[in-house]
Amino acid sequence: ARGLTAGGLRPMTGESDLTHAQTQIWIGQSLSPTSPLYNMAFTFVFPTELRADLFCEAWRRVADASDALRTRVLARQGSGARRILAPRGPATAVVDLGVQPDPGEAFRRWSRDRSATALPAGGDLVDSVLVRLGDGRSAWYLNQHHLVSDARSTRLLFRQVAAEYEALLHNDEGTRPRLAPYYETVAALPPRAGERPAALAHWDARSRRPGRTVPLYGRRGEAAGTASTRLTLALDEERSGAIDRLCRQPGFLSVSDDLSRFALFAALLVGFLYRVSGQAEVGFDAPVAGRPTADAKRSLGLFIEMFPFAAAVDPHDTFRSLGARCLEEAAEFLRHALPGLSAPRGARAGNVVLNYVPGAFGPFAGVRPEVEWVHPGHGDGVHALRLQVHDFSGSDRYTLHLDVNEGALPERLRQRSMQHLDTLLTAVLDEPDRPIASLDLLREEERSALAALNATDAAPLPDRSVVAMFESQALLTPDRVALRQGQVVLSFAELQRQAEALATRLVEQGVEPGDRVAIAGRRSTLAVVAMLATLRARAAFVPIDPAVP
């Protein structure tokens, strides 16, 4: 494992008593200490008024029974060290928004603002607030740091608080589900030593395959920072039903409904990446629950680990044929996903994630709440794109989120990415046996824009070459800025000087008129100089993306 110092990452020197899964999250938070990238915030709006005294007591009972909820994580000699608070740890606050003109909207704004603040690793890692909305309604805001929770743990916490609330409400202290301690449970997970060598070899091979970093829309697909935009596609009953029906057909049918759904959404993501990258071999990372024992299934805390999923698309693949291979890969994926085998964060990590979250929260005090997963506006800086799929409300309607790193794609492409995914989903549900490569992802406005761009007869071609037009402009405005990249600024005169020098060198190296010169490199001022120099040498340039072999 690695720790954070002023000079960057270095090997940890201190002993860490965090679990394997916690260590990876702790390193990620250490790299962006003020970012709320690991906030797991949910809101639950109830069509009834919950009793604050009973709710706070129900929460206290659950928090006292959970070592994970009472965990704080401190930095010690470059590593993370846990400190578990005594009972009567983090309590539930009570806030009254019922006096607001629109309590529901006020609560939505309040919860988004609150979730955008990072939970400090050295402080309480859970933020629980009961909110009064008036008119017989109430809400629960629950935010947990990923260090102490995952999606399954959050659902278990919800059900546990609901069970304690029911017991207090009806004065029935009978049998209630008991939680298993987190750290003891993780330590007791079976090592499965005989299976580990084969599993390690499997993951090493998967992580070395091409396609771990997927270029997106002609860009390298590299995330920059943690700022993230969430785009949401809420499927209606008809489309959700079409997904379930397809999961019961050849190509997707398996021993488990959830496995079939995972394979279908994996095929959807692979097909999408194939179309927007032009890359046949693509991959993504996906979390595995990591709860193989009965105690693990009834323990609050972080168990999930991320593993690589690899796929290759044939030009003749249909959605069904691709789904069948994704189903096979998913079976191998789950078979080798042993606890403790995921690689440290950033080590051969992919830039895309699929997070299919099965299961719903269920009722609370006899009613089903409206559930919202609140996006904090940030995500792990390793990932350019994350596809999240869930049905938290238990409505038999899927919700898809695309969380897109704002440094990886500009805003217009972030918006189009969800439009293209939506179009692809509609197409594959309508025609699962049609080749994926033949499906049209463009909308009418995009086709019109392309038609206008390619209307070469709309204006006459210039009678001068690019080089001649550039030299005329350089003569008119020699000191004007021609190129800017970060701190690098070139005037027209400087750009002309550099292009002339490089053109002379190309000719000296044997480049003749009509030759083709390959230019490999990222978008930069140097690339523009190289293109202009090649044209001055009366040759043609061939741009090559170094990310695509």
Protein backbone atom coordinates (compact mmCIF):
# COMPACT_ATOMS: atom_id res chain seq x y z
CA ALA A 1 0.00 0.00 0.00
CA ARG A 2 1.03 3.62 -0.40
CA GLY A 3 0.62 6.67 1.75
CA LEU A 4 0.51 10.40 1.01
CA THR A 5 3.37 12.79 1.72
CA ALA A 6 4.14 16.32 0.61
CA GLY A 7 6.16 14.84 -2.22
CA GLY A 8 3.38 12.52 -3.40
CA LEU A 9 2.82 8.78 -2.91
CA ARG A 10 5.35 6.66 -1.11
CA PRO A 11 5.24 3.16 0.42
CA MET A 12 3.47 3.09 3.77
CA THR A 13 5.84 2.81 6.71
CA GLY A 14 3.34 2.36 9.52
CA GLU A 15 1.14 -0.59 10.31
CA SER A 16 -2.46 -0.05 9.22
CA ASP A 17 -5.34 -1.74 11.00
CA LEU A 18 -7.79 -0.77 8.27
CA THR A 19 -9.29 -3.54 6.18
CA HIS A 20 -8.06 -4.12 2.63
CA ALA A 21 -11.14 -2.38 1.19
CA GLN A 22 -10.84 0.54 3.61
CA THR A 23 -7.18 1.07 2.78
CA GLN A 24 -7.96 1.70 -0.88
CA ILE A 25 -10.65 4.26 -0.01
CA TRP A 26 -8.41 5.93 2.57
CA ILE A 27 -5.63 6.40 -0.01
CA GLY A 28 -8.10 7.87 -2.48
CA GLN A 29 -9.40 10.34 0.11
CA SER A 30 -5.83 11.23 1.11
CA LEU A 31 -5.11 12.29 -2.46
CA SER A 32 -8.10 14.70 -2.37
CA PRO A 33 -8.56 15.42 1.34
CA THR A 34 -11.20 18.15 0.97
CA SER A 35 -13.25 16.50 -1.79
CA PRO A 36 -16.56 14.79 -0.95
CA LEU A 37 -15.81 12.11 -3.56
CA TYR A 38 -16.61 9.27 -1.13
CA ASN A 39 -19.80 10.72 0.36
CA MET A 40 -22.64 8.18 0.09
CA ALA A 41 -25.69 10.37 0.67
CA PHE A 42 -29.30 9.20 0.48
CA THR A 43 -32.59 10.88 1.24
CA PHE A 44 -35.79 9.09 2.23
CA VAL A 45 -39.04 11.06 2.11
CA PHE A 46 -41.90 9.49 4.08
CA PRO A 47 -45.61 10.26 3.50
CA THR A 48 -46.05 10.15 7.26
CA GLU A 49 -44.57 11.96 10.24
CA LEU A 50 -41.99 9.89 12.12
CA ARG A 51 -41.67 10.39 15.86
CA ALA A 52 -38.35 12.11 16.46
CA ASP A 53 -37.80 10.61 19.92
CA LEU A 54 -38.29 7.05 18.70
CA PHE A 55 -36.24 7.58 15.55
CA CYS A 56 -33.28 9.03 17.45
CA GLU A 57 -33.40 6.15 19.93
CA ALA A 58 -33.63 3.59 17.11
CA TRP A 59 -30.60 5.18 15.47
CA ARG A 60 -28.67 5.18 18.77
CA ARG A 61 -29.31 1.46 19.26
CA VAL A 62 -28.04 0.62 15.79
CA ALA A 63 -25.00 2.91 16.06
CA ASP A 64 -24.11 1.41 19.44
CA ALA A 65 -24.29 -2.09 17.95
CA SER A 66 -22.07 -1.24 14.95
CA ASP A 67 -18.32 -0.75 15.26
CA ALA A 68 -18.26 0.49 11.64
CA LEU A 69 -20.60 3.42 12.35
CA ARG A 70 -18.47 4.41 15.35
CA THR A 71 -15.21 4.32 13.38
CA ARG A 72 -12.91 7.27 12.87
CA VAL A 73 -9.78 7.03 10.74
CA LEU A 74 -6.63 8.92 11.67
CA ALA A 75 -3.33 9.32 9.81
CA ARG A 76 -0.47 7.53 11.52
CA GLN A 77 3.05 7.33 10.05
CA GLY A 78 1.79 7.61 6.48
CA SER A 79 -1.00 5.04 6.89
CA GLY A 80 -4.56 5.00 8.17
CA ALA A 81 -5.41 3.87 11.71
CA ARG A 82 -8.89 3.25 13.01
CA ARG A 83 -10.31 4.51 16.26
CA ILE A 84 -13.65 3.11 17.40
CA LEU A 85 -15.72 5.39 19.61
CA ALA A 86 -17.47 4.09 22.69
CA PRO A 87 -21.26 3.63 22.52
CA ARG A 88 -23.28 6.84 22.37
CA GLY A 89 -21.22 7.81 19.33
CA PRO A 90 -22.63 9.73 16.33
CA ALA A 91 -26.21 10.80 17.05
CA THR A 92 -29.09 11.80 14.77
CA ALA A 93 -29.86 15.50 14.51
CA VAL A 94 -33.38 16.88 14.01
CA VAL A 95 -34.11 19.77 11.62
CA ASP A 96 -37.47 21.45 10.95
CA LEU A 97 -38.03 22.68 7.39
CA GLY A 98 -41.82 22.64 7.67
CA VAL A 99 -41.94 26.43 7.97
CA GLN A 100 -40.40 26.88 4.50
CA PRO A 101 -42.74 27.97 1.66
CA ASP A 102 -41.91 24.75 -0.21
CA PRO A 103 -40.50 22.27 2.33
CA GLY A 104 -39.87 19.56 -0.25
CA GLU A 105 -37.79 21.81 -2.49
CA ALA A 106 -36.03 23.31 0.53
CA PHE A 107 -35.09 19.80 1.66
CA ARG A 108 -33.71 18.91 -1.78
CA ARG A 109 -31.51 22.03 -1.83
CA TRP A 110 -30.47 21.51 1.79
CA SER A 111 -29.49 17.87 1.22
CA ARG A 112 -27.50 18.66 -1.93
CA ASP A 113 -25.61 21.44 -0.18
CA ARG A 114 -24.93 19.26 2.85
CA SER A 115 -23.72 16.30 0.77
CA ALA A 116 -21.21 18.52 -1.05
CA THR A 117 -19.08 18.85 2.10
CA ALA A 118 -16.58 16.07 2.75
CA LEU A 119 -16.99 14.00 5.89
CA PRO A 120 -13.62 14.32 7.65
CA ALA A 121 -11.76 11.01 7.95
CA GLY A 122 -10.70 11.92 11.48
CA GLY A 123 -14.23 12.87 12.53
CA ASP A 124 -17.65 11.26 12.43
CA LEU A 125 -17.99 9.26 9.20
CA VAL A 126 -21.79 9.22 9.39
CA ASP A 127 -24.21 12.14 9.18
CA SER A 128 -27.82 11.29 10.07
CA VAL A 129 -30.56 13.93 10.21
CA LEU A 130 -34.33 13.55 10.67
CA VAL A 131 -36.10 16.39 8.87
CA ARG A 132 -39.64 17.60 9.56
CA LEU A 133 -41.38 18.67 6.35
CA GLY A 134 -44.80 19.56 7.74
CA ASP A 135 -48.19 18.41 6.40
CA GLY A 136 -47.68 15.00 8.01
CA ARG A 137 -44.43 14.29 6.12
CA SER A 138 -40.87 13.73 7.23
CA ALA A 139 -37.52 12.84 5.68
CA TRP A 140 -34.28 11.18 6.63
CA TYR A 141 -30.95 12.44 5.33
CA LEU A 142 -28.26 9.77 5.62
CA ASN A 143 -24.69 10.38 4.49
CA GLN A 144 -21.92 7.86 5.14
CA HIS A 145 -18.29 7.94 4.17
CA HIS A 146 -17.40 5.05 1.88
CA LEU A 147 -14.75 4.07 4.46
CA VAL A 148 -17.49 2.57 6.61
CA SER A 149 -20.22 1.63 4.18
CA ASP A 150 -21.25 0.36 0.76
CA ALA A 151 -24.64 0.05 -0.95
CA ARG A 152 -25.58 -3.24 0.70
CA SER A 153 -24.53 -1.91 4.09
CA THR A 154 -26.70 1.18 3.57
CA ARG A 155 -29.76 -0.97 2.84
CA LEU A 156 -29.02 -3.10 5.90
CA LEU A 157 -28.66 0.02 8.04
CA PHE A 158 -31.99 1.33 6.77
CA ARG A 159 -33.73 -1.95 7.61
CA GLN A 160 -32.07 -2.19 11.01
CA VAL A 161 -33.17 1.32 12.03
CA ALA A 162 -36.66 0.53 10.71
CA ALA A 163 -36.81 -2.65 12.83
CA GLU A 164 -35.72 -0.81 15.97
CA TYR A 165 -38.21 1.98 15.29
CA GLU A 166 -41.06 -0.54 14.88
CA ALA A 167 -40.06 -2.24 18.13
CA LEU A 168 -40.13 1.05 20.01
CA LEU A 169 -43.34 2.20 18.33
CA HIS A 170 -45.22 -0.96 19.29
CA ASN A 171 -43.40 -1.50 22.60
CA ASP A 172 -42.31 -4.91 21.33
CA GLU A 173 -38.78 -5.81 22.36
CA GLY A 174 -39.00 -9.27 20.85
CA THR A 175 -36.59 -10.85 18.43
CA ARG A 176 -34.96 -8.35 16.09
CA PRO A 177 -32.12 -8.90 13.61
CA ARG A 178 -28.72 -8.65 15.26
CA LEU A 179 -25.70 -7.11 13.60
CA ALA A 180 -22.34 -8.85 13.33
CA PRO A 181 -19.22 -6.82 14.23
CA TYR A 182 -17.46 -5.49 11.15
CA TYR A 183 -13.76 -5.89 11.89
CA GLU A 184 -14.09 -9.34 13.43
CA THR A 185 -16.21 -10.46 10.48
CA VAL A 186 -13.68 -9.27 7.92
CA ALA A 187 -10.84 -10.95 9.82
CA ALA A 188 -12.79 -14.22 9.86
CA LEU A 189 -13.52 -14.35 6.13
CA PRO A 190 -12.32 -17.70 4.77
CA PRO A 191 -8.92 -17.31 3.05
CA ARG A 192 -9.69 -19.89 0.30
CA ALA A 193 -5.92 -20.31 -0.06
CA GLY A 194 -6.20 -23.06 -2.67
CA GLU A 195 -8.10 -20.77 -5.04
CA ARG A 196 -5.94 -17.66 -4.67
CA PRO A 197 -3.09 -18.44 -7.11
CA ALA A 198 -5.50 -19.03 -10.01
CA ALA A 199 -7.53 -15.96 -9.04
CA LEU A 200 -4.43 -13.76 -8.86
CA ALA A 201 -3.31 -14.98 -12.28
CA HIS A 202 -6.79 -14.25 -13.68
CA TRP A 203 -6.82 -10.66 -12.41
CA ASP A 204 -3.27 -10.01 -13.49
CA ALA A 205 -4.11 -11.14 -17.02
CA ARG A 206 -7.31 -9.07 -17.10
CA SER A 207 -5.57 -5.93 -15.88
CA ARG A 208 -2.91 -6.23 -18.61
CA ARG A 209 -5.32 -6.58 -21.52
CA PRO A 210 -5.72 -3.69 -23.98
CA GLY A 211 -8.68 -1.44 -23.39
CA ARG A 212 -8.15 -0.69 -19.68
CA THR A 213 -8.16 3.00 -20.57
CA VAL A 214 -10.95 3.73 -23.05
CA PRO A 215 -10.75 6.91 -25.16
CA LEU A 216 -14.05 8.78 -25.18
CA TYR A 217 -15.26 10.78 -28.18
CA GLY A 218 -11.76 11.15 -29.61
CA ARG A 219 -10.30 12.18 -26.26
CA ARG A 220 -7.90 10.16 -24.18
CA GLY A 221 -10.51 9.51 -21.51
CA GLU A 222 -8.28 10.63 -18.68
CA ALA A 223 -10.03 12.04 -15.64
CA ALA A 224 -8.76 15.31 -14.20
CA GLY A 225 -9.66 16.21 -10.63
CA THR A 226 -12.72 14.85 -8.84
CA ALA A 227 -15.50 17.20 -10.06
CA SER A 228 -18.23 15.09 -11.63
CA THR A 229 -21.55 15.67 -13.40
CA ARG A 230 -24.39 13.20 -12.84
CA LEU A 231 -26.77 12.57 -15.74
CA THR A 232 -29.87 10.54 -14.93
CA LEU A 233 -32.08 8.35 -17.09
CA ALA A 234 -35.16 7.08 -15.25
CA LEU A 235 -36.63 4.20 -17.24
CA ASP A 236 -40.39 3.75 -17.38
CA GLU A 237 -42.22 0.52 -16.72
CA GLU A 238 -42.24 -0.48 -20.39
CA ARG A 239 -38.48 -0.20 -20.95
CA SER A 240 -37.67 -1.76 -17.57
CA GLY A 241 -39.96 -4.64 -18.42
CA ALA A 242 -38.26 -5.04 -21.80
CA ILE A 243 -34.91 -5.38 -20.00
CA ASP A 244 -36.29 -8.08 -17.70
CA ARG A 245 -37.84 -9.97 -20.63
CA LEU A 246 -34.57 -9.89 -22.56
CA CYS A 247 -32.75 -11.21 -19.49
CA ARG A 248 -34.92 -14.34 -19.70
CA GLN A 249 -33.98 -15.00 -23.34
CA PRO A 250 -31.02 -16.93 -24.81
CA GLY A 251 -27.79 -14.99 -24.55
CA PHE A 252 -28.67 -13.50 -21.17
CA LEU A 253 -30.55 -16.25 -19.32
CA SER A 254 -28.54 -17.57 -16.37
CA VAL A 255 -28.94 -19.22 -12.96
CA SER A 256 -29.50 -15.81 -11.34
CA ASP A 257 -31.69 -12.87 -12.34
CA ASP A 258 -29.10 -10.46 -10.98
CA LEU A 259 -26.31 -12.14 -12.94
CA SER A 260 -28.40 -11.84 -16.12
CA ARG A 261 -29.06 -8.16 -15.45
CA PHE A 262 -25.41 -7.50 -14.72
CA ALA A 263 -24.44 -9.17 -18.01
CA LEU A 264 -27.05 -7.13 -19.91
CA PHE A 265 -25.88 -3.81 -18.47
CA ALA A 266 -22.26 -4.89 -19.02
CA ALA A 267 -23.06 -5.55 -22.69
CA LEU A 268 -24.80 -2.17 -22.91
CA LEU A 269 -21.76 -0.39 -21.48
CA VAL A 270 -19.32 -2.36 -23.66
CA GLY A 271 -21.37 -1.58 -26.78
CA PHE A 272 -21.52 2.09 -25.82
CA LEU A 273 -17.75 2.28 -25.22
CA TYR A 274 -17.10 0.49 -28.51
CA ARG A 275 -19.20 2.99 -30.42
CA VAL A 276 -17.87 6.19 -28.79
CA SER A 277 -14.22 5.09 -28.75
CA GLY A 278 -13.86 3.11 -31.98
CA GLN A 279 -11.87 0.62 -29.89
CA ALA A 280 -12.75 -3.07 -30.17
CA GLU A 281 -11.18 -4.10 -26.86
CA VAL A 282 -12.75 -2.23 -23.99
CA GLY A 283 -13.07 -2.83 -20.30
CA PHE A 284 -14.26 -1.40 -17.06
CA ASP A 285 -14.00 -1.96 -13.32
CA ALA A 286 -16.93 -3.27 -11.30
CA PRO A 287 -17.48 -3.77 -7.57
CA VAL A 288 -18.13 -7.16 -6.01
CA ALA A 289 -20.16 -7.43 -2.79
CA GLY A 290 -17.51 -9.46 -0.93
CA ARG A 291 -19.92 -10.94 1.63
CA PRO A 292 -19.54 -14.73 1.35
CA THR A 293 -20.52 -15.60 4.93
CA ALA A 294 -23.70 -15.28 6.99
CA ASP A 295 -21.99 -12.85 9.38
CA ALA A 296 -20.78 -10.71 6.47
CA LYS A 297 -24.33 -10.47 5.17
CA ARG A 298 -25.51 -9.02 8.50
CA SER A 299 -22.60 -6.67 9.15
CA LEU A 300 -22.55 -2.95 8.54
CA GLY A 301 -19.37 -1.77 6.86
CA LEU A 302 -17.35 -1.68 3.64
CA PHE A 303 -16.91 -5.05 1.95
CA ILE A 304 -16.96 -4.28 -1.78
CA GLU A 305 -13.81 -4.48 -3.88
CA MET A 306 -13.23 -3.41 -7.48
CA PHE A 307 -12.09 -5.87 -10.14
CA PRO A 308 -11.47 -5.50 -13.92
CA PHE A 309 -13.99 -6.73 -16.49
CA ALA A 310 -12.62 -7.24 -20.02
CA ALA A 311 -14.49 -7.56 -23.31
CA ALA A 312 -13.85 -7.43 -27.05
CA VAL A 313 -16.40 -6.50 -29.70
CA ASP A 314 -16.43 -8.17 -33.10
CA PRO A 315 -17.66 -5.97 -36.00
CA HIS A 316 -20.48 -8.48 -36.60
CA ASP A 317 -21.53 -8.74 -32.95
CA THR A 318 -25.18 -8.30 -32.12
CA PHE A 319 -26.29 -7.23 -28.67
CA ARG A 320 -27.32 -10.81 -27.97
CA SER A 321 -23.99 -12.34 -29.04
CA LEU A 322 -22.09 -9.70 -27.07
CA GLY A 323 -24.36 -10.32 -24.09
CA ALA A 324 -23.62 -14.05 -24.20
CA ARG A 325 -19.87 -13.37 -23.96
CA CYS A 326 -20.40 -10.81 -21.22
CA LEU A 327 -22.38 -13.44 -19.32
CA GLU A 328 -19.48 -15.87 -19.60
CA GLU A 329 -17.03 -13.19 -18.49
CA ALA A 330 -19.32 -12.25 -15.59
CA ALA A 331 -19.30 -15.85 -14.32
CA GLU A 332 -15.49 -15.87 -14.39
CA PHE A 333 -15.48 -12.41 -12.84
CA LEU A 334 -17.49 -13.57 -9.83
CA ARG A 335 -15.66 -16.89 -9.51
CA HIS A 336 -12.29 -15.22 -9.08
CA ALA A 337 -13.41 -12.23 -6.98
CA LEU A 338 -11.97 -13.41 -3.67
CA PRO A 339 -11.83 -10.97 -0.72
CA GLY A 340 -8.57 -9.07 -0.48
CA LEU A 341 -7.42 -9.57 -4.07
CA SER A 342 -8.35 -6.23 -5.61
CA ALA A 343 -5.37 -4.11 -6.63
CA PRO A 344 -4.44 -0.91 -4.77
CA ARG A 345 -6.22 2.17 -6.05
CA GLY A 346 -4.69 3.45 -9.29
CA ALA A 347 -2.64 0.31 -9.97
CA ARG A 348 -3.58 -0.60 -13.57
CA ALA A 349 -7.01 0.87 -12.86
CA GLY A 350 -9.50 1.35 -15.66
CA ASN A 351 -11.11 4.70 -16.37
CA VAL A 352 -14.69 3.36 -16.59
CA VAL A 353 -16.88 1.73 -13.92
CA LEU A 354 -20.10 -0.28 -14.01
CA ASN A 355 -21.91 -0.34 -10.68
CA TYR A 356 -25.05 -2.48 -10.86
CA VAL A 357 -26.71 -2.33 -7.42
CA PRO A 358 -29.44 -4.95 -6.95
CA GLY A 359 -32.03 -4.67 -4.20
CA ALA A 360 -34.42 -2.08 -2.76
CA PHE A 361 -34.64 -0.38 0.63
CA GLY A 362 -38.11 -1.63 1.49
CA PRO A 363 -40.72 -0.16 3.85
CA PHE A 364 -40.20 1.88 7.02
CA ALA A 365 -42.97 2.03 9.61
CA GLY A 366 -45.33 0.43 7.12
CA VAL A 367 -44.74 2.89 4.27
CA ARG A 368 -42.35 2.96 1.32
CA PRO A 369 -40.32 6.16 1.13
CA GLU A 370 -39.22 8.03 -1.96
CA VAL A 371 -35.50 7.26 -2.22
CA GLU A 372 -32.91 9.51 -3.84
CA TRP A 373 -29.20 8.83 -4.15
CA VAL A 374 -27.73 12.32 -3.76
CA HIS A 375 -24.69 13.01 -5.93
CA PRO A 376 -22.10 15.13 -4.07
CA GLY A 377 -20.76 16.59 -7.32
CA HIS A 378 -17.51 14.63 -7.11
CA GLY A 379 -16.20 11.15 -7.79
CA ASP A 380 -12.99 9.17 -7.79
CA GLY A 381 -10.46 11.06 -9.93
CA VAL A 382 -9.28 7.83 -11.56
CA HIS A 383 -12.60 7.31 -13.35
CA ALA A 384 -13.70 9.31 -16.38
CA LEU A 385 -17.13 7.67 -16.53
CA ARG A 386 -19.24 5.59 -14.15
CA LEU A 387 -22.51 3.89 -15.08
CA GLN A 388 -24.67 3.32 -11.98
CA VAL A 389 -27.81 1.17 -12.23
CA HIS A 390 -30.33 0.62 -9.44
CA ASP A 391 -33.97 0.33 -8.36
CA PHE A 392 -33.66 1.57 -4.78
CA SER A 393 -37.36 2.36 -4.42
CA GLY A 394 -38.43 -1.17 -5.43
CA SER A 395 -40.67 0.21 -8.19
CA ASP A 396 -39.55 -2.33 -10.82
CA ARG A 397 -38.20 0.62 -12.78
CA TYR A 398 -34.49 1.01 -13.34
CA THR A 399 -32.61 4.25 -12.88
CA LEU A 400 -29.36 4.79 -14.77
CA HIS A 401 -26.83 7.42 -13.77
CA LEU A 402 -23.84 8.44 -15.84
CA ASP A 403 -21.32 10.14 -13.57
CA VAL A 404 -18.89 11.88 -15.94
CA ASN A 405 -15.64 13.44 -14.79
CA GLU A 406 -15.73 17.11 -15.79
CA GLY A 407 -12.05 17.09 -16.74
CA ALA A 408 -12.49 14.14 -19.11
CA LEU A 409 -15.23 15.58 -21.35
CA PRO A 410 -16.53 19.10 -22.01
CA GLU A 411 -20.07 19.88 -20.97
CA ARG A 412 -21.62 19.40 -24.42
CA LEU A 413 -20.15 15.89 -24.73
CA ARG A 414 -21.15 15.00 -21.19
CA GLN A 415 -24.76 15.77 -22.11
CA ARG A 416 -24.53 13.88 -25.41
CA SER A 417 -23.06 10.81 -23.71
CA MET A 418 -26.33 10.12 -21.90
CA GLN A 419 -28.33 10.82 -25.06
CA HIS A 420 -26.22 8.30 -26.97
CA LEU A 421 -26.53 5.70 -24.20
CA ASP A 422 -30.30 6.22 -24.17
CA THR A 423 -30.48 5.83 -27.97
CA LEU A 424 -28.35 2.68 -27.86
CA LEU A 425 -30.51 1.15 -25.13
CA THR A 426 -33.67 1.76 -27.14
CA ALA A 427 -32.08 0.25 -30.26
CA VAL A 428 -30.79 -2.93 -28.60
CA LEU A 429 -34.08 -3.54 -26.79
CA ASP A 430 -35.96 -3.17 -30.09
CA GLU A 431 -33.49 -5.20 -32.20
CA PRO A 432 -31.16 -7.32 -30.02
CA ASP A 433 -30.10 -9.39 -33.04
CA ARG A 434 -28.95 -6.48 -35.17
CA PRO A 435 -25.18 -5.77 -35.39
CA ILE A 436 -24.17 -3.15 -32.83
CA ALA A 437 -21.92 -1.43 -35.36
CA SER A 438 -24.93 -0.70 -37.59
CA LEU A 439 -27.03 1.05 -34.93
CA ASP A 440 -27.45 4.79 -35.38
CA LEU A 441 -26.72 6.67 -32.15
CA LEU A 442 -27.12 10.18 -33.57
CA ARG A 443 -30.18 12.28 -32.97
CA GLU A 444 -31.76 14.42 -35.66
CA GLU A 445 -30.10 17.63 -34.50
CA GLU A 446 -26.68 15.92 -34.60
CA ARG A 447 -27.29 14.59 -38.11
CA SER A 448 -28.32 18.08 -39.24
CA ALA A 449 -25.17 19.59 -37.73
CA LEU A 450 -23.00 17.01 -39.52
CA ALA A 451 -24.79 17.64 -42.80
CA ALA A 452 -24.17 21.38 -42.50
CA LEU A 453 -20.52 20.79 -41.60
CA ASN A 454 -19.99 18.59 -44.65
CA ALA A 455 -21.88 20.83 -47.09
CA THR A 456 -18.70 21.63 -49.01
CA ASP A 457 -20.68 23.13 -51.89
CA ALA A 458 -22.20 25.78 -49.65
CA ALA A 459 -19.19 28.05 -50.17
CA PRO A 460 -16.45 28.10 -52.82
CA LEU A 461 -13.10 26.57 -51.91
CA PRO A 462 -10.36 29.13 -51.17
CA ASP A 463 -7.97 29.86 -54.03
CA ARG A 464 -4.97 29.92 -51.72
CA SER A 465 -3.33 27.17 -49.65
CA VAL A 466 -3.43 26.96 -45.87
CA VAL A 467 0.25 27.92 -45.73
CA ALA A 468 -0.32 31.00 -47.88
CA MET A 469 -3.30 32.14 -45.78
CA PHE A 470 -1.32 31.62 -42.57
CA GLU A 471 1.66 33.61 -43.86
CA SER A 472 -0.62 36.49 -44.86
CA GLN A 473 -2.10 36.57 -41.35
CA ALA A 474 1.36 36.37 -39.76
CA LEU A 475 2.43 39.36 -41.87
CA LEU A 476 -0.61 41.40 -40.77
CA THR A 477 -0.54 40.53 -37.05
CA PRO A 478 2.89 39.12 -36.16
CA ASP A 479 2.55 39.81 -32.42
CA ARG A 480 -1.01 38.56 -32.03
CA VAL A 481 -1.52 35.34 -30.06
CA ALA A 482 -1.86 32.40 -32.45
CA LEU A 483 -1.73 29.47 -30.02
CA ARG A 484 -2.23 29.10 -26.30
CA GLN A 485 -1.86 25.92 -24.23
CA GLY A 486 -1.68 26.43 -20.50
CA GLN A 487 1.37 28.62 -19.89
CA VAL A 488 2.67 28.17 -23.45
CA VAL A 489 1.79 31.09 -25.74
CA LEU A 490 2.93 31.48 -29.37
CA SER A 491 2.47 34.58 -31.49
CA PHE A 492 1.91 34.30 -35.24
CA ALA A 493 5.53 35.32 -35.81
CA GLU A 494 6.87 32.70 -33.38
CA LEU A 495 4.63 29.99 -34.81
CA GLN A 496 5.81 30.87 -38.33
CA ARG A 497 9.47 30.78 -37.23
CA GLN A 498 9.12 27.36 -35.56
CA ALA A 499 7.18 25.91 -38.51
CA GLU A 500 9.79 27.16 -41.01
CA ALA A 501 12.63 25.65 -38.96
CA LEU A 502 10.91 22.28 -38.69
CA ALA A 503 9.95 22.30 -42.40
CA THR A 504 13.60 22.86 -43.32
CA ARG A 505 14.62 19.93 -41.14
CA LEU A 506 11.98 17.66 -42.71
CA VAL A 507 13.30 18.43 -46.18
CA GLU A 508 16.86 17.77 -44.99
CA GLN A 509 15.67 14.40 -43.67
CA GLY A 510 14.41 13.45 -47.12
CA VAL A 511 10.74 14.45 -47.08
CA GLU A 512 9.61 15.21 -50.63
CA PRO A 513 6.45 16.83 -52.05
CA GLY A 514 3.51 14.43 -51.82
CA ASP A 515 5.03 12.32 -49.02
CA ARG A 516 2.99 11.44 -45.94
CA VAL A 517 4.41 12.37 -42.52
CA ALA A 518 3.04 10.67 -39.40
CA ILE A 519 2.46 12.96 -36.41
CA ALA A 520 1.99 11.08 -33.14
CA GLY A 521 1.18 13.04 -30.02
CA ARG A 522 -1.47 14.70 -27.95
CA ARG A 523 -3.26 17.89 -28.89
CA SER A 524 -0.66 20.58 -28.28
CA THR A 525 1.13 23.58 -29.69
CA LEU A 526 3.86 21.21 -30.89
CA ALA A 527 1.33 19.23 -32.89
CA VAL A 528 0.15 22.39 -34.68
CA VAL A 529 3.76 23.37 -35.43
CA ALA A 530 4.35 19.88 -36.87
CA MET A 531 1.23 20.05 -39.07
CA LEU A 532 2.09 23.49 -40.43
CA ALA A 533 5.72 22.46 -41.03
CA THR A 534 4.64 19.37 -42.96
CA LEU A 535 2.40 21.47 -45.21
CA ARG A 536 5.23 23.95 -45.78
CA ALA A 537 7.36 20.97 -46.94
CA ARG A 538 4.55 20.26 -49.45
CA ALA A 539 3.78 16.92 -47.79
CA ALA A 540 0.63 15.56 -46.15
CA PHE A 541 0.40 14.88 -42.43
CA VAL A 542 -1.21 11.78 -40.88
CA PRO A 543 -2.25 12.39 -37.23
CA ILE A 544 -1.93 9.33 -34.99
CA ASP A 545 -3.45 9.07 -31.53
CA PRO A 546 -0.75 7.48 -29.32
CA ALA A 547 -3.50 5.97 -27.15
CA VAL A 548 -4.74 3.84 -30.06
CA PRO A 549 -2.09 1.38 -31.28
